[in-house]
């Protein structure tokens, strides 16, 4: 048998394989199929959920989190919260399995 490399590829866990001429194209495909957002936690009972960027901006604003806003102005970026002391203080590996 004579094997040849024919595509760059990325596979995450057991998901379908994404292929492209180079790995950057594979990553671009992944970005097109994902929703970027944040995990929020309810302080009253520690429940967590996933929210998109626009809802996240409303939540952070309404809760008085320190936001250093970058463009776009209508969505929250992770860098917008780098100065907020409560952002990313939790170990994401502890909470990700509980997100509903």
C-alpha atoms as a PDB file:
ATOM      1  CA  UNK A   1       0.000   0.000   0.000  1.00  0.00           C
ATOM      2  CA  UNK A   2       1.256   3.449  -0.884  1.00  0.00           C
ATOM      3  CA  UNK A   3      -0.292   6.270   1.146  1.00  0.00           C
ATOM      4  CA  UNK A   4      -0.118   9.993   0.310  1.00  0.00           C
ATOM      5  CA  UNK A   5      -1.058  13.057   2.290  1.00  0.00           C
ATOM      6  CA  UNK A   6      -3.935  14.774   0.463  1.00  0.00           C
ATOM      7  CA  UNK A   7      -5.320  17.403   2.883  1.00  0.00           C
ATOM      8  CA  UNK A   8      -4.595  19.209   6.099  1.00  0.00           C
ATOM      9  CA  UNK A   9      -7.186  18.183   8.679  1.00  0.00           C
ATOM     10  CA  UNK A  10      -8.488  18.907  12.151  1.00  0.00           C
ATOM     11  CA  UNK A  11     -10.595  16.607  14.288  1.00  0.00           C
ATOM     12  CA  UNK A  12     -11.944  17.567  17.693  1.00  0.00           C
ATOM     13  CA  UNK A  13     -12.776  14.550  19.844  1.00  0.00           C
ATOM     14  CA  UNK A  14     -14.968  12.317  17.702  1.00  0.00           C
ATOM     15  CA  UNK A  15     -16.476  15.101  15.585  1.00  0.00           C
ATOM     16  CA  UNK A  16     -16.319  14.974  11.778  1.00  0.00           C
ATOM     17  CA  UNK A  17     -12.918  15.726  10.267  1.00  0.00           C
ATOM     18  CA  UNK A  18     -12.521  19.205   8.771  1.00  0.00           C
ATOM     19  CA  UNK A  19     -10.197  19.341   5.785  1.00  0.00           C
ATOM     20  CA  UNK A  20      -8.557  22.069   3.745  1.00  0.00           C
ATOM     21  CA  UNK A  21      -5.467  22.976   1.775  1.00  0.00           C
ATOM     22  CA  UNK A  22      -3.893  24.203   5.025  1.00  0.00           C
ATOM     23  CA  UNK A  23      -4.874  24.102   8.681  1.00  0.00           C
ATOM     24  CA  UNK A  24      -6.041  27.727   8.669  1.00  0.00           C
ATOM     25  CA  UNK A  25      -8.837  26.780   6.271  1.00  0.00           C
ATOM     26  CA  UNK A  26      -9.859  23.945   8.583  1.00  0.00           C
ATOM     27  CA  UNK A  27     -10.040  26.361  11.498  1.00  0.00           C
ATOM     28  CA  UNK A  28     -12.069  28.799   9.389  1.00  0.00           C
ATOM     29  CA  UNK A  29     -14.630  26.040   8.743  1.00  0.00           C
ATOM     30  CA  UNK A  30     -14.836  25.392  12.458  1.00  0.00           C
ATOM     31  CA  UNK A  31     -15.450  29.072  13.175  1.00  0.00           C
ATOM     32  CA  UNK A  32     -18.314  29.123  10.686  1.00  0.00           C
ATOM     33  CA  UNK A  33     -20.023  26.268  12.502  1.00  0.00           C
ATOM     34  CA  UNK A  34     -19.623  27.524  16.050  1.00  0.00           C
ATOM     35  CA  UNK A  35     -21.357  30.127  18.170  1.00  0.00           C
ATOM     36  CA  UNK A  36     -19.037  32.231  20.267  1.00  0.00           C
ATOM     37  CA  UNK A  37     -20.196  33.348  23.644  1.00  0.00           C
ATOM     38  CA  UNK A  38     -19.683  33.061  27.368  1.00  0.00           C
ATOM     39  CA  UNK A  39     -20.633  30.917  30.311  1.00  0.00           C
ATOM     40  CA  UNK A  40     -22.593  32.806  32.948  1.00  0.00           C
ATOM     41  CA  UNK A  41     -23.160  31.671  36.511  1.00  0.00           C
ATOM     42  CA  UNK A  42     -26.073  32.514  38.774  1.00  0.00           C
ATOM     43  CA  UNK A  43     -24.577  33.531  42.145  1.00  0.00           C
ATOM     44  CA  UNK A  44     -27.669  32.386  44.025  1.00  0.00           C
ATOM     45  CA  UNK A  45     -27.371  28.691  43.121  1.00  0.00           C
ATOM     46  CA  UNK A  46     -24.166  28.340  41.028  1.00  0.00           C
ATOM     47  CA  UNK A  47     -26.084  27.147  37.950  1.00  0.00           C
ATOM     48  CA  UNK A  48     -24.404  27.943  34.651  1.00  0.00           C
ATOM     49  CA  UNK A  49     -25.558  28.487  31.089  1.00  0.00           C
ATOM     50  CA  UNK A  50     -24.140  29.523  27.718  1.00  0.00           C
ATOM     51  CA  UNK A  51     -25.070  32.902  26.223  1.00  0.00           C
ATOM     52  CA  UNK A  52     -24.117  34.564  22.947  1.00  0.00           C
ATOM     53  CA  UNK A  53     -22.004  37.704  22.700  1.00  0.00           C
ATOM     54  CA  UNK A  54     -24.931  40.173  22.565  1.00  0.00           C
ATOM     55  CA  UNK A  55     -26.716  38.759  25.610  1.00  0.00           C
ATOM     56  CA  UNK A  56     -23.372  38.566  27.424  1.00  0.00           C
ATOM     57  CA  UNK A  57     -22.836  42.301  26.900  1.00  0.00           C
ATOM     58  CA  UNK A  58     -26.232  43.024  28.468  1.00  0.00           C
ATOM     59  CA  UNK A  59     -25.523  40.746  31.436  1.00  0.00           C
ATOM     60  CA  UNK A  60     -22.053  42.215  32.076  1.00  0.00           C
ATOM     61  CA  UNK A  61     -23.400  45.772  31.778  1.00  0.00           C
ATOM     62  CA  UNK A  62     -26.402  45.121  34.036  1.00  0.00           C
ATOM     63  CA  UNK A  63     -24.200  43.496  36.682  1.00  0.00           C
ATOM     64  CA  UNK A  64     -21.665  46.321  36.753  1.00  0.00           C
ATOM     65  CA  UNK A  65     -18.755  44.237  35.515  1.00  0.00           C
ATOM     66  CA  UNK A  66     -15.728  46.300  34.482  1.00  0.00           C
ATOM     67  CA  UNK A  67     -15.917  46.514  30.668  1.00  0.00           C
ATOM     68  CA  UNK A  68     -13.123  48.056  28.579  1.00  0.00           C
ATOM     69  CA  UNK A  69     -15.121  47.988  25.310  1.00  0.00           C
ATOM     70  CA  UNK A  70     -13.477  47.192  21.971  1.00  0.00           C
ATOM     71  CA  UNK A  71     -15.224  47.019  18.590  1.00  0.00           C
ATOM     72  CA  UNK A  72     -17.801  45.796  17.789  1.00  0.00           C
ATOM     73  CA  UNK A  73     -19.730  47.875  20.316  1.00  0.00           C
ATOM     74  CA  UNK A  74     -22.867  45.655  20.317  1.00  0.00           C
ATOM     75  CA  UNK A  75     -21.147  42.386  21.319  1.00  0.00           C
ATOM     76  CA  UNK A  76     -18.980  41.341  24.242  1.00  0.00           C
ATOM     77  CA  UNK A  77     -15.423  40.195  23.535  1.00  0.00           C
ATOM     78  CA  UNK A  78     -13.332  38.335  26.081  1.00  0.00           C
ATOM     79  CA  UNK A  79     -10.745  41.114  25.972  1.00  0.00           C
ATOM     80  CA  UNK A  80     -13.463  43.569  27.064  1.00  0.00           C
ATOM     81  CA  UNK A  81     -13.445  41.874  30.479  1.00  0.00           C
ATOM     82  CA  UNK A  82      -9.722  41.375  31.101  1.00  0.00           C
ATOM     83  CA  UNK A  83      -9.734  44.113  33.764  1.00  0.00           C
ATOM     84  CA  UNK A  84     -12.816  42.726  35.565  1.00  0.00           C
ATOM     85  CA  UNK A  85     -11.783  40.897  38.739  1.00  0.00           C
ATOM     86  CA  UNK A  86     -14.633  38.372  38.586  1.00  0.00           C
ATOM     87  CA  UNK A  87     -13.962  37.359  34.967  1.00  0.00           C
ATOM     88  CA  UNK A  88     -12.231  34.003  34.539  1.00  0.00           C
ATOM     89  CA  UNK A  89     -11.584  33.496  38.246  1.00  0.00           C
ATOM     90  CA  UNK A  90     -13.317  30.122  38.046  1.00  0.00           C
ATOM     91  CA  UNK A  91     -11.635  27.048  36.601  1.00  0.00           C
ATOM     92  CA  UNK A  92     -13.612  26.435  33.368  1.00  0.00           C
ATOM     93  CA  UNK A  93     -12.999  22.698  33.612  1.00  0.00           C
ATOM     94  CA  UNK A  94     -15.055  22.606  36.796  1.00  0.00           C
ATOM     95  CA  UNK A  95     -18.101  24.207  35.211  1.00  0.00           C
ATOM     96  CA  UNK A  96     -18.184  23.252  31.553  1.00  0.00           C
ATOM     97  CA  UNK A  97     -19.904  19.908  32.144  1.00  0.00           C
ATOM     98  CA  UNK A  98     -22.666  21.641  34.097  1.00  0.00           C
ATOM     99  CA  UNK A  99     -23.584  24.135  31.384  1.00  0.00           C
ATOM    100  CA  UNK A 100     -27.110  23.607  30.155  1.00  0.00           C
END
